[in-house]
Every structure is written in C-alpha cells, then in structure tokens.
C-alpha cells in the first residue's frame, strides 16, 4: 500500500519513497536526560512509534532502521550535576532508564539504535572541522559558531528569514555573534564545570552545542541523507533548522528527504508549563492509568494538530478501550482466521490518520460482537485476527482480555520488565547505588525482585 506523509519541508502531503526499500531510515529526536519526562514528551514517541510500526509492516521488520537518540551532555544536565553534586553519568543513566521504562509502559517499541551523544563526540568535532574549513563557522570568545548568513537557503524548513530571528524567539542573543541567529557548534568550558562534561578539541576544551549532536548521530548511524527525520513542532525551529544547516553545509547533501512534526499537547486548554503548575509526568500518569489508555488518548487526535489533554479525554479513551477489549474477550477462544490488511492500515498510510484508524478499530469490535451474537465461529475467528492485527499496528490490545479486566494489574508489565533489566545492567556495571534505587522504586510500587542463578524475575506482592 502506498504511504503518504506530510513533509514539513515541502509543506504538502507527499508519497513516501525510501532511498532503499531494504533499509528505510527514521530518526526521531530523543530526550535530554536530567529529569522525568512529561506527557508532552510522550506524544512524538507514541506518534512516531506508530510510524515505525507502519514502516515495518510495509517494508519488513528487518528493513527499517530507527534511531532515537539520548542527549546526555547539555547545559541543563550540567546544572543538575552542579546542583546535586552528582556525577553526570549517574544522572543521565538514571533518567534514561526511567524514560525507556515509561515508554515501555506506553507500549512504545524500542528503537533499532539508541545513540548517546557522549559516544559520538568525535563525529561532532569532525563536522565542526568541515564547517570551519568551508567558511561556514567562526571562532568567538565562548566557542565556535555557525554563520547562518553563509547559507543561502537558511530557514527553508521553518519558513523564517534571518531577519525574523530576533531576541526572544528561542535564539540566544550575544554580542560576540555576527548574527543573532548564529548558533554554537562547540562551547568552551567555563570555570567550575564538571570534568565529565569537557572534551579536547582543535579549538580548545569544551563540549558540543546541542544542535550538532543530532547531525553527528544521524550521519553516523543512518547515513548522511536519511529518509525521515521527525520530532515535535517545538523542534522545527531552531533545532531542526540548525541540523539542516550544519549537516548540509558540511556534507553537501540533503540531511533528510522527509521532515515530520507533531503538534503541541495542551493541558485543559492551556500551555503546559512549570509556572502554571500543570506539567503531568508520564511516570505519575502510569500509576493512575493503564498505559494503553494514555496511548489511545495521545492517538485520538491527528498528530499534526494540537491535542488538549483532559481527564475527559482519558475517561473516554478508557471507556472505548474497555468496550473493544470486551468485544475481543467474546471472540478470544475462536481459532483460525487470517488477518487482512484493512481500513486501519489504509488510514495510517494516509499521513498517520489515527482518528480514522481508531474509528475502524471500534468498527472491528462491533463486527466481533455481531459474530459472537450469531455464534458464527469462522466470523468470530476472523474478527479476533482482524482486531489483533489492527491493535498491533496502533500499539494497542497488547494484553489478554483477562489482563485488562483485572483492572490493569499487568498493564505496565513491559515498564517493569524494562526497570528490572535496567537494574541488571546497573549490577553488571557495579553501579550498586542505581541498582538499589531501582529496587527501592519497584518495592514502593509493590513489586518484589527475586535474584537467582537463572537471573532476576519479579512478582507483585
């Protein structure tokens, strides 16, 4: 089936044609790991997880390479380290594990590759060297900066002119810049900054700028030109715009052929912000709601449109999902049936139209109920197969009906499995403090870890 995606760069819906159908590449900007992630951070993770599932369904699971990075060196991380007196690697590993566990609770598949910024410093330095050599970058007292005036089509992704980039528009103003929109490729170390955030470079000791990180990781793990680059609309400018600038000026090739951006998530009609006190963490929401309910709520609106996060939205998602699980229960024991590519796949192939796909999932549930009412075993088996196939594309119906009806006691099994694995990794690395922290967290949640010769298992107490 033909896939059509809205390409932000072209500002229109376009037929998706990968460079190589045997190696379809997808890059999504991941978290900066210094704190818990909020539910707004989960929207791109869930939305583009559906895209990942669609691409795997279309081109084959082994033919799609999906990279989602971890930013583990950045000003906020340094500030957290100095504030807490905690080594940066300890902070970043802790919150990366929590982030991945939270996403597992939302039934988000792990990416094919999870590159960490600190493991790609050499690539960042190499790109910066190319930019300096070609005249696109200059050295200033605080670091090395990209000169946006040297790129003729700077602003092509966001549609912004250089003259539009004034103070307050997510652009750091500094007298040492040639242009307010110029951005840091390399930042020189400041007195008092931790050594675990400082590297040697041809220009002096310091660390990379934020934008250069994704350029280096995408090129190293997926190639200089990738098929799809995606993320939240808040990253379109300046982050993605600057990725394009530094990647294309350094390599002389397009960075990505398709750019995708999801809309903002608001809270009860207001922008989510700490100042308003309306930030909702994924971690906390998973304690109150089944992960699939949160996922269904995130998919209830089209990904490019804003989504208003309300309790009514969650209650509606829970009711609808419960009705679908109820239909699945009625046909659960029916054997046979071969899933057919239906309207759910068609809807997702049309720019990830999840509202239409969810409506089709409800229709399939109605068919299951009708088959069960008629006691038509072949129809029941077909309805079961169709429901599960549609659910797999959307990342829903991953539980058995019995598990769902138990009140969601096993809804976050994947999240707990991820935490147990993170504890195993910490013990292997002899990071006893982190291993103990994870154990204590699970104990508070009523989960007991049992260590034995065959490994670690868990049970609810």
Protein backbone atom coordinates (compact mmCIF):
# COMPACT_ATOMS: atom_id res chain seq x y z
CA UNK A 1 0.00 0.00 0.00
CA UNK A 2 1.27 3.48 -0.84
CA UNK A 3 2.22 5.61 2.17
CA UNK A 4 1.63 9.36 2.06
CA UNK A 5 3.25 11.65 4.64
CA UNK A 6 3.06 15.39 5.22
CA UNK A 7 6.55 16.70 4.55
CA UNK A 8 7.17 19.88 6.55
CA UNK A 9 9.97 20.80 4.16
CA UNK A 10 7.69 20.66 1.11
CA UNK A 11 4.63 21.85 3.06
CA UNK A 12 2.43 19.23 1.47
CA UNK A 13 1.45 15.60 1.69
CA UNK A 14 3.78 13.51 -0.45
CA UNK A 15 4.08 9.86 -1.48
CA UNK A 16 6.80 8.28 0.63
CA UNK A 17 9.54 6.71 -1.46
CA UNK A 18 12.56 5.49 0.53
CA UNK A 19 16.03 5.68 -0.95
CA UNK A 20 16.42 1.93 -0.40
CA UNK A 21 13.36 -0.22 0.41
CA UNK A 22 15.70 -2.70 2.07
CA UNK A 23 17.00 -0.08 4.50
CA UNK A 24 14.39 2.52 5.40
CA UNK A 25 15.85 5.06 7.84
CA UNK A 26 13.99 7.00 10.53
CA UNK A 27 15.47 9.40 13.10
CA UNK A 28 13.47 10.89 15.97
CA UNK A 29 14.93 13.36 18.46
CA UNK A 30 15.02 11.76 21.90
CA UNK A 31 15.16 13.13 25.44
CA UNK A 32 17.68 15.25 27.30
CA UNK A 33 18.05 13.05 30.37
CA UNK A 34 18.24 15.08 33.57
CA UNK A 35 14.69 14.72 34.92
CA UNK A 36 11.40 12.85 34.45
CA UNK A 37 9.73 13.28 31.05
CA UNK A 38 6.25 14.83 30.85
CA UNK A 39 3.32 13.59 28.81
CA UNK A 40 4.03 16.16 26.09
CA UNK A 41 7.39 14.44 25.57
CA UNK A 42 5.50 11.19 25.06
CA UNK A 43 3.46 12.43 22.11
CA UNK A 44 6.25 12.24 19.48
CA UNK A 45 7.45 8.95 20.99
CA UNK A 46 4.00 7.37 20.59
CA UNK A 47 3.13 9.00 17.25
CA UNK A 48 6.35 8.01 15.56
CA UNK A 49 6.20 4.58 17.16
CA UNK A 50 3.06 4.13 15.03
CA UNK A 51 5.07 5.31 12.02
CA UNK A 52 7.78 2.77 12.91
CA UNK A 53 5.16 0.00 13.08
CA UNK A 54 3.66 1.11 9.74
CA UNK A 55 7.05 1.11 8.02
CA UNK A 56 7.88 -2.33 9.43
CA UNK A 57 4.52 -3.64 8.23
CA UNK A 58 5.10 -2.17 4.76
CA UNK A 59 8.80 -2.90 4.19
CA UNK A 60 9.52 -5.73 6.64
CA UNK A 61 10.71 -5.60 10.25
CA UNK A 62 14.38 -6.14 9.39
CA UNK A 63 14.37 -3.46 6.67
CA UNK A 64 13.58 -0.45 8.88
CA UNK A 65 16.34 1.18 10.94
CA UNK A 66 15.01 3.55 13.59
CA UNK A 67 17.34 5.72 15.69
CA UNK A 68 16.15 7.70 18.71
CA UNK A 69 18.97 9.47 20.49
CA UNK A 70 19.80 10.18 24.12
CA UNK A 71 21.18 13.67 24.81
CA UNK A 72 23.48 13.16 27.79
CA UNK A 73 25.56 16.35 27.60
CA UNK A 74 23.77 19.70 27.73
CA UNK A 75 23.57 22.83 29.88
CA UNK A 76 20.60 21.58 31.93
CA UNK A 77 22.39 18.34 32.73
CA UNK A 78 25.47 20.24 33.86
CA UNK A 79 23.32 22.49 36.04
CA UNK A 80 21.65 19.44 37.61
CA UNK A 81 25.05 17.86 38.31
CA UNK A 82 26.37 21.02 39.97
CA UNK A 83 23.16 21.46 41.94
CA UNK A 84 23.01 17.89 43.25
CA UNK A 85 26.73 17.19 43.43
CA UNK A 86 26.09 14.04 41.40
CA UNK A 87 28.32 12.82 38.53
CA UNK A 88 26.74 13.41 35.14
CA UNK A 89 26.84 9.73 34.03
CA UNK A 90 24.89 8.75 37.14
CA UNK A 91 22.19 11.34 36.38
CA UNK A 92 21.90 10.52 32.70
CA UNK A 93 21.80 6.74 33.15
CA UNK A 94 19.14 7.04 35.85
CA UNK A 95 16.80 9.20 33.80
CA UNK A 96 17.45 7.39 30.52
CA UNK A 97 16.39 4.15 32.22
CA UNK A 98 13.28 5.83 33.65
CA UNK A 99 12.42 7.32 30.25
CA UNK A 100 12.71 3.98 28.46
CA UNK A 101 10.72 2.26 31.19
CA UNK A 102 7.98 4.89 30.96
CA UNK A 103 7.80 4.49 27.17
CA UNK A 104 7.63 0.72 27.55
CA UNK A 105 4.62 1.33 29.80
CA UNK A 106 3.04 3.14 26.84
CA UNK A 107 3.79 0.11 24.66
CA UNK A 108 6.39 2.02 22.61
CA UNK A 109 8.75 -0.30 20.77
CA UNK A 110 12.46 0.21 21.46
CA UNK A 111 14.30 1.87 18.58
CA UNK A 112 16.68 -0.15 16.44
CA UNK A 113 19.53 2.10 17.61
CA UNK A 114 19.76 4.35 20.68
CA UNK A 115 22.88 6.51 20.18
CA UNK A 116 24.17 8.54 23.13
CA UNK A 117 25.65 11.96 22.46
CA UNK A 118 28.78 11.38 24.55
CA UNK A 119 29.61 8.34 22.44
CA UNK A 120 29.65 10.48 19.27
CA UNK A 121 31.83 13.45 20.25
CA UNK A 122 34.43 12.66 17.56
CA UNK A 123 31.77 12.89 14.86
CA UNK A 124 30.62 16.27 16.18
CA UNK A 125 34.17 17.59 16.11
CA UNK A 126 34.63 16.26 12.55
CA UNK A 127 31.51 18.08 11.28
CA UNK A 128 32.59 21.28 13.00
CA UNK A 129 36.03 21.00 11.39
CA UNK A 130 34.40 20.73 7.96
CA UNK A 131 32.26 23.79 8.62
CA UNK A 132 35.26 25.85 9.75
CA UNK A 133 37.27 24.69 6.73
CA UNK A 134 34.48 25.64 4.31
CA UNK A 135 33.95 29.07 5.86
CA UNK A 136 30.58 28.35 7.46
CA UNK A 137 31.84 28.71 11.03
CA UNK A 138 33.96 31.09 13.07
CA UNK A 139 35.62 31.12 16.48
CA UNK A 140 34.45 33.56 19.14
CA UNK A 141 35.44 34.03 22.81
CA UNK A 142 32.88 31.48 24.08
CA UNK A 143 33.19 28.89 21.31
CA UNK A 144 32.76 28.05 17.64
CA UNK A 145 29.61 29.38 15.93
CA UNK A 146 27.78 28.61 12.69
CA UNK A 147 27.43 31.69 10.49
CA UNK A 148 23.86 31.49 9.15
CA UNK A 149 24.47 34.30 6.65
CA UNK A 150 26.79 31.98 4.71
CA UNK A 151 23.95 29.53 3.92
CA UNK A 152 21.75 30.82 1.10
CA UNK A 153 18.61 28.89 1.99
CA UNK A 154 18.84 29.01 5.79
CA UNK A 155 15.28 28.96 7.13
CA UNK A 156 13.82 26.71 4.43
CA UNK A 157 12.28 24.28 6.92
CA UNK A 158 10.57 26.81 9.19
CA UNK A 159 10.00 29.48 6.55
CA UNK A 160 11.78 32.04 8.69
CA UNK A 161 14.08 34.70 7.25
CA UNK A 162 17.31 35.56 9.03
CA UNK A 163 15.81 38.99 9.74
CA UNK A 164 12.99 37.30 11.68
CA UNK A 165 15.37 35.79 14.21
CA UNK A 166 15.24 38.39 16.93
CA UNK A 167 15.71 38.18 20.68
CA UNK A 168 13.14 36.06 22.45
CA UNK A 169 12.45 33.67 19.55
CA UNK A 170 14.35 30.77 21.09
CA UNK A 171 17.54 32.43 19.88
CA UNK A 172 20.31 33.22 22.36
CA UNK A 173 21.49 36.78 21.87
CA UNK A 174 25.18 37.59 22.30
CA UNK A 175 27.39 40.48 21.25
CA UNK A 176 30.06 38.07 20.05
CA UNK A 177 27.75 36.67 17.36
CA UNK A 178 27.86 38.07 13.85
CA UNK A 179 24.10 37.47 13.56
CA UNK A 180 21.53 36.82 16.34
CA UNK A 181 20.60 33.50 14.67
CA UNK A 182 24.19 32.17 14.70
CA UNK A 183 24.40 29.12 16.95
CA UNK A 184 27.08 27.28 18.88
CA UNK A 185 28.80 24.26 17.36
CA UNK A 186 31.34 23.98 20.18
CA UNK A 187 31.20 25.65 23.61
CA UNK A 188 34.39 26.35 25.53
CA UNK A 189 34.47 25.04 29.09
CA UNK A 190 33.72 27.51 31.88
CA UNK A 191 35.43 27.57 35.28
CA UNK A 192 33.82 25.19 37.73
CA UNK A 193 32.14 22.96 35.17
CA UNK A 194 32.47 19.21 35.78
CA UNK A 195 35.25 17.32 34.00
CA UNK A 196 32.80 14.69 32.78
CA UNK A 197 31.28 17.38 30.51
CA UNK A 198 34.56 18.53 28.94
CA UNK A 199 36.43 17.15 25.91
CA UNK A 200 39.51 18.22 23.96
CA UNK A 201 39.03 19.78 20.52
CA UNK A 202 41.15 21.65 17.94
CA UNK A 203 39.70 24.93 19.27
CA UNK A 204 40.01 24.30 22.99
CA UNK A 205 38.48 22.18 25.76
CA UNK A 206 34.73 22.20 25.95
CA UNK A 207 31.61 20.41 24.76
CA UNK A 208 29.39 20.32 21.67
CA UNK A 209 26.44 22.58 21.08
CA UNK A 210 23.03 20.92 21.25
CA UNK A 211 22.19 21.04 17.53
CA UNK A 212 25.41 19.40 16.32
CA UNK A 213 24.67 16.30 18.38
CA UNK A 214 21.79 15.04 16.24
CA UNK A 215 23.61 15.86 13.00
CA UNK A 216 26.52 13.69 14.04
CA UNK A 217 24.44 10.81 15.41
CA UNK A 218 22.09 10.67 12.41
CA UNK A 219 25.01 10.65 9.96
CA UNK A 220 27.00 8.06 11.91
CA UNK A 221 24.18 5.57 12.39
CA UNK A 222 21.82 6.13 9.44
CA UNK A 223 23.82 7.94 6.76
CA UNK A 224 24.37 11.49 5.56
CA UNK A 225 20.94 11.56 3.92
CA UNK A 226 18.18 9.78 5.80
CA UNK A 227 14.63 9.04 4.75
CA UNK A 228 12.61 10.57 7.60
CA UNK A 229 13.57 12.93 10.40
CA UNK A 230 10.81 13.55 12.95
CA UNK A 231 10.06 15.27 16.23
CA UNK A 232 7.80 17.74 17.98
CA UNK A 233 6.79 21.03 16.36
CA UNK A 234 8.79 22.86 19.04
CA UNK A 235 11.95 21.42 17.48
CA UNK A 236 11.24 22.68 13.96
CA UNK A 237 12.98 25.94 14.84
CA UNK A 238 15.72 26.35 15.77
CA UNK A 239 16.83 22.75 16.37
CA UNK A 240 15.87 21.05 13.11
CA UNK A 241 16.58 24.17 11.09
CA UNK A 242 20.09 24.23 12.51
CA UNK A 243 20.58 20.50 11.99
CA UNK A 244 19.86 21.05 8.30
CA UNK A 245 22.27 23.98 8.13
CA UNK A 246 25.25 22.28 9.69
CA UNK A 247 24.67 18.85 8.10
CA UNK A 248 24.07 20.07 4.56
CA UNK A 249 26.85 22.68 4.61
CA UNK A 250 29.33 20.13 5.96
CA UNK A 251 28.33 17.20 3.74
CA UNK A 252 26.95 18.87 0.62
CA UNK A 253 23.92 16.55 0.68
CA UNK A 254 20.32 16.83 1.94
CA UNK A 255 20.08 15.76 5.57
CA UNK A 256 16.63 14.19 5.28
CA UNK A 257 14.14 13.72 2.47
CA UNK A 258 11.01 13.94 4.64
CA UNK A 259 10.54 16.02 7.80
CA UNK A 260 7.61 15.29 10.13
CA UNK A 261 6.42 17.23 13.17
CA UNK A 262 3.67 16.54 15.68
CA UNK A 263 1.58 19.32 17.20
CA UNK A 264 1.66 20.66 20.75
CA UNK A 265 -0.08 18.99 23.68
CA UNK A 266 -2.00 21.45 25.89
CA UNK A 267 -3.36 20.91 29.39
CA UNK A 268 -7.06 21.75 29.85
CA UNK A 269 -6.82 24.41 27.15
CA UNK A 270 -3.61 25.96 28.48
CA UNK A 271 0.02 25.59 27.51
CA UNK A 272 1.82 23.07 29.72
CA UNK A 273 4.39 24.90 31.85
CA UNK A 274 6.02 24.74 35.26
CA UNK A 275 4.89 28.28 36.01
CA UNK A 276 1.23 27.22 35.64
CA UNK A 277 1.81 24.07 37.68
CA UNK A 278 0.12 21.89 35.06
CA UNK A 279 3.01 19.66 34.00
CA UNK A 280 1.99 15.98 34.06
CA UNK A 281 4.77 13.38 34.16
CA UNK A 282 4.49 10.11 32.24
CA UNK A 283 5.78 8.35 35.34
CA UNK A 284 2.97 9.67 37.54
CA UNK A 285 0.21 9.14 34.97
CA UNK A 286 1.20 5.47 34.61
CA UNK A 287 0.48 4.98 38.28
CA UNK A 288 -3.11 6.16 37.81
CA UNK A 289 -4.00 4.98 34.30
CA UNK A 290 -3.30 1.89 32.19
CA UNK A 291 -0.56 2.63 29.70
CA UNK A 292 -2.77 1.75 26.73
CA UNK A 293 -5.32 4.34 27.87
CA UNK A 294 -2.65 7.03 27.82
CA UNK A 295 -1.50 5.80 24.41
CA UNK A 296 -5.02 5.80 22.98
CA UNK A 297 -5.59 9.32 24.28
CA UNK A 298 -2.37 10.51 22.60
CA UNK A 299 -3.50 8.95 19.31
CA UNK A 300 -7.07 10.26 19.49
CA UNK A 301 -6.24 13.42 17.56
CA UNK A 302 -4.35 13.78 14.30
CA UNK A 303 -0.66 14.04 15.08
CA UNK A 304 -0.17 17.38 13.29
CA UNK A 305 -2.98 19.09 15.21
CA UNK A 306 -2.78 20.38 18.79
CA UNK A 307 -4.19 17.98 21.37
CA UNK A 308 -5.93 19.12 24.56
CA UNK A 309 -5.08 16.76 27.43
CA UNK A 310 -8.03 16.48 29.82
CA UNK A 311 -9.44 13.98 32.27
CA UNK A 312 -12.48 13.63 29.99
CA UNK A 313 -10.13 12.60 27.17
CA UNK A 314 -8.64 9.90 29.38
CA UNK A 315 -12.01 8.67 30.62
CA UNK A 316 -13.30 8.46 27.06
CA UNK A 317 -10.20 6.54 25.96
CA UNK A 318 -10.57 4.13 28.87
CA UNK A 319 -14.28 3.54 28.13
CA UNK A 320 -13.66 2.99 24.42
CA UNK A 321 -10.72 0.69 25.02
CA UNK A 322 -12.71 -1.27 27.58
CA UNK A 323 -15.52 -1.76 25.04
CA UNK A 324 -13.01 -3.02 22.45
CA UNK A 325 -11.41 -5.40 24.95
CA UNK A 326 -14.89 -6.62 25.84
CA UNK A 327 -15.54 -7.49 22.20
CA UNK A 328 -12.16 -9.19 21.95
CA UNK A 329 -13.00 -11.30 25.03
CA UNK A 330 -16.11 -12.64 23.32
CA UNK A 331 -14.09 -13.98 20.36
CA UNK A 332 -10.86 -14.72 22.23
CA UNK A 333 -11.18 -18.51 22.11
CA UNK A 334 -12.14 -18.70 18.44
CA UNK A 335 -9.42 -20.46 16.47
CA UNK A 336 -8.32 -19.78 12.91
CA UNK A 337 -8.79 -16.64 10.90
CA UNK A 338 -6.20 -14.76 8.88
CA UNK A 339 -5.89 -11.02 9.37
CA UNK A 340 -6.41 -8.94 6.26
CA UNK A 341 -4.85 -5.55 5.55
CA UNK A 342 -7.83 -3.34 6.07
CA UNK A 343 -9.01 0.14 6.79
CA UNK A 344 -6.66 0.65 9.76
CA UNK A 345 -3.63 0.17 7.53
CA UNK A 346 -5.22 2.40 4.90
CA UNK A 347 -5.85 5.17 7.44
CA UNK A 348 -2.33 5.04 8.84
CA UNK A 349 -0.89 5.06 5.32
CA UNK A 350 -2.64 8.38 4.78
CA UNK A 351 -0.33 10.56 6.90
CA UNK A 352 -0.89 8.55 10.10
CA UNK A 353 -4.60 9.31 10.36
CA UNK A 354 -5.02 7.75 13.80
CA UNK A 355 -8.55 9.12 14.47
CA UNK A 356 -9.83 7.23 11.41
CA UNK A 357 -7.77 4.18 12.40
CA UNK A 358 -9.25 4.19 15.93
CA UNK A 359 -12.75 4.53 14.49
CA UNK A 360 -12.02 1.48 12.33
CA UNK A 361 -10.79 -0.41 15.42
CA UNK A 362 -14.16 0.30 17.07
CA UNK A 363 -15.95 -0.93 13.94
CA UNK A 364 -13.97 -4.17 14.09
CA UNK A 365 -15.06 -4.55 17.70
CA UNK A 366 -18.70 -4.18 16.59
CA UNK A 367 -18.14 -6.91 14.00
CA UNK A 368 -16.70 -9.14 16.70
CA UNK A 369 -19.79 -8.61 18.85
CA UNK A 370 -22.09 -9.37 15.92
CA UNK A 371 -20.18 -12.57 15.15
CA UNK A 372 -20.35 -13.59 18.81
CA UNK A 373 -24.10 -12.85 18.95
CA UNK A 374 -24.58 -15.10 15.91
CA UNK A 375 -22.25 -17.75 17.40
CA UNK A 376 -20.58 -17.84 13.98
CA UNK A 377 -17.21 -19.46 14.76
CA UNK A 378 -15.49 -18.65 11.43
CA UNK A 379 -16.58 -14.99 11.67
CA UNK A 380 -15.50 -14.88 15.31
CA UNK A 381 -12.05 -16.23 14.41
CA UNK A 382 -11.73 -13.69 11.61
CA UNK A 383 -12.84 -10.86 13.90
CA UNK A 384 -10.26 -11.88 16.51
CA UNK A 385 -7.47 -11.95 13.91
CA UNK A 386 -8.51 -8.56 12.48
CA UNK A 387 -8.72 -6.92 15.91
CA UNK A 388 -5.30 -8.14 16.98
CA UNK A 389 -3.68 -7.13 13.68
CA UNK A 390 -5.20 -3.65 13.85
CA UNK A 391 -4.22 -3.35 17.50
CA UNK A 392 -0.63 -4.31 16.71
CA UNK A 393 -0.37 -1.51 14.14
CA UNK A 394 -1.64 1.01 16.68
CA UNK A 395 0.26 -0.44 19.63
CA UNK A 396 -3.00 -1.40 21.38
CA UNK A 397 -4.64 -4.66 22.51
CA UNK A 398 -1.30 -6.00 23.74
CA UNK A 399 -2.99 -7.55 26.81
CA UNK A 400 -5.28 -10.52 27.04
CA UNK A 401 -8.89 -9.64 27.81
CA UNK A 402 -8.42 -11.25 31.23
CA UNK A 403 -5.47 -9.00 32.00
CA UNK A 404 -7.47 -5.95 31.00
CA UNK A 405 -10.46 -6.98 33.12
CA UNK A 406 -8.23 -7.47 36.16
CA UNK A 407 -8.11 -3.70 36.37
CA UNK A 408 -4.84 -3.25 34.55
CA UNK A 409 -2.70 -5.03 37.16
CA UNK A 410 -0.44 -6.23 34.36
CA UNK A 411 -0.81 -3.22 32.08
CA UNK A 412 2.65 -1.93 32.91
CA UNK A 413 4.42 -5.30 32.68
CA UNK A 414 6.66 -4.01 29.88
CA UNK A 415 7.61 -0.99 32.01
CA UNK A 416 8.51 -3.20 34.99
CA UNK A 417 10.46 -5.57 32.73
CA UNK A 418 12.45 -2.59 31.46
CA UNK A 419 13.20 -1.43 35.02
CA UNK A 420 14.31 -4.93 36.05
CA UNK A 421 16.61 -5.06 33.03
CA UNK A 422 17.98 -1.62 33.90
CA UNK A 423 18.75 -2.93 37.40
CA UNK A 424 20.53 -5.95 35.89
CA UNK A 425 22.60 -3.60 33.71
CA UNK A 426 23.46 -1.46 36.73
CA UNK A 427 24.58 -4.51 38.72
CA UNK A 428 26.69 -5.70 35.80
CA UNK A 429 28.36 -2.27 35.70
CA UNK A 430 28.80 -2.45 39.52
CA UNK A 431 26.64 0.65 39.88
CA UNK A 432 25.19 -0.55 43.15
CA UNK A 433 23.56 2.77 44.03
CA UNK A 434 21.50 2.77 40.83
CA UNK A 435 20.60 -0.92 41.26
CA UNK A 436 19.39 -0.22 44.80
CA UNK A 437 17.43 2.82 43.66
CA UNK A 438 15.54 0.78 41.05
CA UNK A 439 14.88 -2.00 43.56
CA UNK A 440 13.54 0.51 46.10
CA UNK A 441 11.31 2.14 43.46
CA UNK A 442 9.80 -1.21 42.49
CA UNK A 443 9.33 -2.13 46.16
CA UNK A 444 7.33 1.07 46.66
CA UNK A 445 5.16 0.02 43.70
CA UNK A 446 4.52 -3.36 45.29
CA UNK A 447 6.90 -5.30 43.05
CA UNK A 448 9.38 -7.78 44.52
CA UNK A 449 12.57 -8.64 42.58
CA UNK A 450 13.87 -12.18 43.01
CA UNK A 451 17.53 -12.76 42.12
CA UNK A 452 18.62 -16.32 41.38
CA UNK A 453 21.14 -18.40 39.41
CA UNK A 454 18.98 -18.12 36.29
CA UNK A 455 18.70 -14.33 36.52
CA UNK A 456 16.24 -11.86 38.02
CA UNK A 457 12.47 -12.24 37.98
CA UNK A 458 9.69 -10.27 39.66
CA UNK A 459 6.29 -10.65 41.18
CA UNK A 460 3.63 -8.42 42.67
CA UNK A 461 3.36 -8.55 46.42
